[in-house]
N, C-alpha and C. Protein backbone atom coordinates (compact mmCIF):
# COMPACT_ATOMS: atom_id res chain seq x y z
N MET A 1 0.81 -1.19 0.00
CA MET A 1 0.00 0.00 0.00
C MET A 1 0.86 1.26 0.00
N GLU A 2 1.96 1.24 0.70
CA GLU A 2 2.82 2.42 0.78
C GLU A 2 3.25 2.92 -0.60
N ARG A 3 3.46 2.01 -1.52
CA ARG A 3 3.98 2.39 -2.84
C ARG A 3 2.89 2.57 -3.89
N SER A 4 1.67 2.30 -3.54
CA SER A 4 0.58 2.38 -4.50
C SER A 4 0.24 3.82 -4.84
N SER A 5 0.01 4.06 -6.11
CA SER A 5 -0.38 5.40 -6.53
C SER A 5 -1.89 5.59 -6.47
N PHE A 6 -2.60 4.56 -6.04
CA PHE A 6 -4.06 4.63 -5.98
C PHE A 6 -4.58 5.38 -4.76
N TYR A 7 -3.72 5.60 -3.77
CA TYR A 7 -4.15 6.25 -2.53
C TYR A 7 -3.44 7.58 -2.34
N SER A 8 -4.19 8.56 -1.85
CA SER A 8 -3.59 9.86 -1.52
C SER A 8 -2.84 9.73 -0.20
N ASP A 9 -2.06 10.74 0.14
CA ASP A 9 -1.36 10.74 1.43
C ASP A 9 -2.34 10.65 2.59
N LYS A 10 -3.47 11.33 2.45
CA LYS A 10 -4.48 11.30 3.51
C LYS A 10 -5.07 9.90 3.65
N GLU A 11 -5.35 9.25 2.54
CA GLU A 11 -5.89 7.89 2.58
C GLU A 11 -4.87 6.91 3.17
N ARG A 12 -3.61 7.07 2.79
CA ARG A 12 -2.55 6.21 3.35
C ARG A 12 -2.44 6.39 4.86
N ALA A 13 -2.55 7.64 5.31
CA ALA A 13 -2.49 7.91 6.75
C ALA A 13 -3.67 7.28 7.47
N ALA A 14 -4.84 7.35 6.87
CA ALA A 14 -6.04 6.76 7.47
C ALA A 14 -5.91 5.24 7.55
N LEU A 15 -5.43 4.62 6.49
CA LEU A 15 -5.26 3.17 6.49
C LEU A 15 -4.21 2.72 7.50
N ALA A 16 -3.12 3.46 7.59
CA ALA A 16 -2.08 3.12 8.57
C ALA A 16 -2.62 3.29 9.99
N TRP A 17 -3.41 4.34 10.20
CA TRP A 17 -4.03 4.59 11.51
C TRP A 17 -4.94 3.42 11.88
N ALA A 18 -5.78 3.01 10.93
CA ALA A 18 -6.71 1.90 11.17
C ALA A 18 -5.95 0.62 11.47
N GLU A 19 -4.91 0.35 10.72
CA GLU A 19 -4.10 -0.85 10.93
C GLU A 19 -3.45 -0.84 12.32
N ALA A 20 -2.90 0.28 12.70
CA ALA A 20 -2.24 0.38 14.00
C ALA A 20 -3.24 0.22 15.14
N LEU A 21 -4.44 0.79 14.99
CA LEU A 21 -5.46 0.66 16.04
C LEU A 21 -5.98 -0.77 16.14
N THR A 22 -6.06 -1.45 15.01
CA THR A 22 -6.62 -2.79 14.97
C THR A 22 -5.64 -3.83 15.49
N SER A 23 -4.37 -3.61 15.30
CA SER A 23 -3.36 -4.60 15.71
C SER A 23 -2.41 -4.00 16.73
N LEU A 24 -2.96 -3.53 17.84
CA LEU A 24 -2.12 -2.96 18.90
C LEU A 24 -1.10 -3.99 19.37
N ASN A 25 0.14 -3.56 19.39
CA ASN A 25 1.23 -4.45 19.82
C ASN A 25 1.93 -3.87 21.03
N GLY A 26 1.22 -3.81 22.14
CA GLY A 26 1.80 -3.27 23.36
C GLY A 26 1.14 -1.98 23.77
N PRO A 27 1.64 -1.39 24.83
CA PRO A 27 0.99 -0.21 25.40
C PRO A 27 1.32 1.11 24.71
N VAL A 28 2.26 1.10 23.77
CA VAL A 28 2.70 2.35 23.14
C VAL A 28 2.25 2.37 21.68
N PHE A 29 1.52 3.42 21.31
CA PHE A 29 1.06 3.57 19.93
C PHE A 29 2.23 4.09 19.08
N PRO A 30 2.38 3.60 17.85
CA PRO A 30 3.50 4.02 16.99
C PRO A 30 3.47 5.54 16.73
N GLU A 31 4.50 6.21 17.16
CA GLU A 31 4.57 7.67 17.05
C GLU A 31 4.58 8.15 15.60
N ASP A 32 5.24 7.40 14.72
CA ASP A 32 5.28 7.80 13.31
C ASP A 32 3.90 7.73 12.67
N VAL A 33 3.11 6.75 13.04
CA VAL A 33 1.75 6.62 12.51
C VAL A 33 0.91 7.79 13.00
N TYR A 34 1.04 8.10 14.29
CA TYR A 34 0.29 9.24 14.84
C TYR A 34 0.69 10.54 14.14
N ASN A 35 1.97 10.76 13.97
CA ASN A 35 2.44 12.01 13.35
C ASN A 35 1.93 12.17 11.92
N LYS A 36 1.96 11.09 11.15
CA LYS A 36 1.45 11.16 9.77
C LYS A 36 -0.05 11.44 9.76
N ALA A 37 -0.78 10.80 10.66
CA ALA A 37 -2.22 11.03 10.73
C ALA A 37 -2.53 12.45 11.18
N ALA A 38 -1.78 12.94 12.14
CA ALA A 38 -2.00 14.29 12.67
C ALA A 38 -1.68 15.36 11.62
N GLN A 39 -0.81 15.05 10.67
CA GLN A 39 -0.51 15.98 9.58
C GLN A 39 -1.66 16.05 8.57
N GLN A 40 -2.41 14.98 8.45
CA GLN A 40 -3.46 14.88 7.44
C GLN A 40 -4.86 15.19 7.96
N PHE A 41 -5.07 15.04 9.26
CA PHE A 41 -6.40 15.19 9.85
C PHE A 41 -6.38 16.19 10.99
N SER A 42 -7.47 16.92 11.12
CA SER A 42 -7.61 17.79 12.30
C SER A 42 -7.82 16.89 13.51
N GLU A 43 -7.74 17.48 14.70
CA GLU A 43 -7.94 16.71 15.92
C GLU A 43 -9.34 16.06 15.93
N GLU A 44 -10.35 16.83 15.51
CA GLU A 44 -11.71 16.31 15.47
C GLU A 44 -11.85 15.17 14.45
N GLU A 45 -11.23 15.34 13.29
CA GLU A 45 -11.29 14.29 12.28
C GLU A 45 -10.60 13.01 12.76
N LEU A 46 -9.50 13.18 13.48
CA LEU A 46 -8.77 12.01 13.99
C LEU A 46 -9.59 11.28 15.05
N VAL A 47 -10.29 12.03 15.87
CA VAL A 47 -11.20 11.40 16.85
C VAL A 47 -12.31 10.65 16.12
N ASP A 48 -12.91 11.28 15.10
CA ASP A 48 -13.97 10.64 14.33
C ASP A 48 -13.46 9.37 13.64
N LEU A 49 -12.28 9.44 13.06
CA LEU A 49 -11.69 8.29 12.39
C LEU A 49 -11.43 7.17 13.39
N THR A 50 -10.92 7.52 14.55
CA THR A 50 -10.65 6.54 15.60
C THR A 50 -11.95 5.86 16.04
N LEU A 51 -13.01 6.64 16.21
CA LEU A 51 -14.30 6.08 16.59
C LEU A 51 -14.81 5.13 15.52
N ALA A 52 -14.70 5.51 14.27
CA ALA A 52 -15.16 4.64 13.18
C ALA A 52 -14.36 3.34 13.15
N VAL A 53 -13.05 3.43 13.24
CA VAL A 53 -12.20 2.23 13.19
C VAL A 53 -12.49 1.31 14.37
N THR A 54 -12.57 1.86 15.56
CA THR A 54 -12.79 1.02 16.74
C THR A 54 -14.20 0.44 16.76
N THR A 55 -15.18 1.14 16.21
CA THR A 55 -16.54 0.61 16.13
C THR A 55 -16.58 -0.59 15.18
N ILE A 56 -15.97 -0.45 14.02
CA ILE A 56 -15.93 -1.56 13.07
C ILE A 56 -15.16 -2.73 13.67
N ASN A 57 -14.07 -2.45 14.37
CA ASN A 57 -13.30 -3.50 15.01
C ASN A 57 -14.14 -4.22 16.07
N THR A 58 -14.97 -3.48 16.80
CA THR A 58 -15.85 -4.08 17.79
C THR A 58 -16.86 -5.01 17.11
N TYR A 59 -17.46 -4.57 16.01
CA TYR A 59 -18.38 -5.44 15.27
C TYR A 59 -17.67 -6.73 14.85
N ASN A 60 -16.45 -6.60 14.36
CA ASN A 60 -15.70 -7.78 13.94
C ASN A 60 -15.44 -8.72 15.10
N ARG A 61 -15.12 -8.16 16.26
CA ARG A 61 -14.86 -9.00 17.45
C ARG A 61 -16.12 -9.74 17.88
N PHE A 62 -17.27 -9.08 17.81
CA PHE A 62 -18.53 -9.75 18.14
C PHE A 62 -18.77 -10.90 17.16
N ASN A 63 -18.56 -10.66 15.89
CA ASN A 63 -18.75 -11.72 14.89
C ASN A 63 -17.83 -12.90 15.14
N ILE A 64 -16.60 -12.62 15.51
CA ILE A 64 -15.64 -13.69 15.81
C ILE A 64 -16.09 -14.44 17.06
N ALA A 65 -16.46 -13.71 18.11
CA ALA A 65 -16.83 -14.32 19.38
C ALA A 65 -18.06 -15.22 19.27
N PHE A 66 -19.03 -14.80 18.47
CA PHE A 66 -20.28 -15.54 18.39
C PHE A 66 -20.45 -16.33 17.10
N GLY A 67 -19.39 -16.42 16.32
CA GLY A 67 -19.41 -17.25 15.13
C GLY A 67 -20.46 -16.87 14.10
N ALA A 68 -20.59 -15.59 13.85
CA ALA A 68 -21.59 -15.12 12.88
C ALA A 68 -21.31 -15.71 11.50
N ALA A 69 -22.36 -16.12 10.84
CA ALA A 69 -22.23 -16.65 9.49
C ALA A 69 -21.92 -15.51 8.53
N VAL A 70 -20.79 -15.58 7.89
CA VAL A 70 -20.35 -14.52 7.00
C VAL A 70 -20.84 -14.80 5.58
N GLY A 71 -21.33 -13.75 4.93
CA GLY A 71 -21.71 -13.88 3.53
C GLY A 71 -23.10 -14.41 3.29
N THR A 72 -23.96 -14.40 4.30
CA THR A 72 -25.31 -14.94 4.13
C THR A 72 -26.37 -13.87 3.96
N TYR A 73 -26.00 -12.60 4.13
CA TYR A 73 -26.99 -11.52 4.05
C TYR A 73 -27.53 -11.40 2.63
N GLN A 74 -28.84 -11.24 2.52
CA GLN A 74 -29.51 -10.99 1.25
C GLN A 74 -30.19 -9.63 1.34
N VAL A 75 -30.04 -8.81 0.33
CA VAL A 75 -30.64 -7.49 0.32
C VAL A 75 -32.13 -7.60 0.59
N GLY A 76 -32.61 -6.82 1.57
CA GLY A 76 -34.03 -6.78 1.90
C GLY A 76 -34.52 -7.88 2.82
N GLN A 77 -33.62 -8.73 3.32
CA GLN A 77 -34.07 -9.85 4.14
C GLN A 77 -34.73 -9.41 5.44
N PHE A 78 -34.44 -8.22 5.90
CA PHE A 78 -35.03 -7.74 7.14
C PHE A 78 -36.12 -6.69 6.90
N ALA A 79 -36.50 -6.48 5.66
CA ALA A 79 -37.51 -5.49 5.34
C ALA A 79 -38.88 -5.95 5.83
N LYS A 80 -39.62 -5.01 6.36
CA LYS A 80 -40.98 -5.33 6.81
C LYS A 80 -41.92 -5.18 5.63
N ASN A 81 -42.71 -6.15 5.37
CA ASN A 81 -43.65 -6.13 4.24
C ASN A 81 -44.97 -5.55 4.65
């Protein structure tokens, strides 16, 4: 991803931020990842991005914990007739 021309610097920073939040490796967050993200996002945007990433990660953890069947959703299956 680092070398791909398909992503802007802001998108690369967001993806690196998401990856670092999702795969925490100890009590210290990578300073270089934070610095790159802080250059691309305002403080409020970084909080919003963090909330989005951690919310999605929480959904994934619930699915893992309870063995949710992946790929079975059909459009409209929960629609009230």
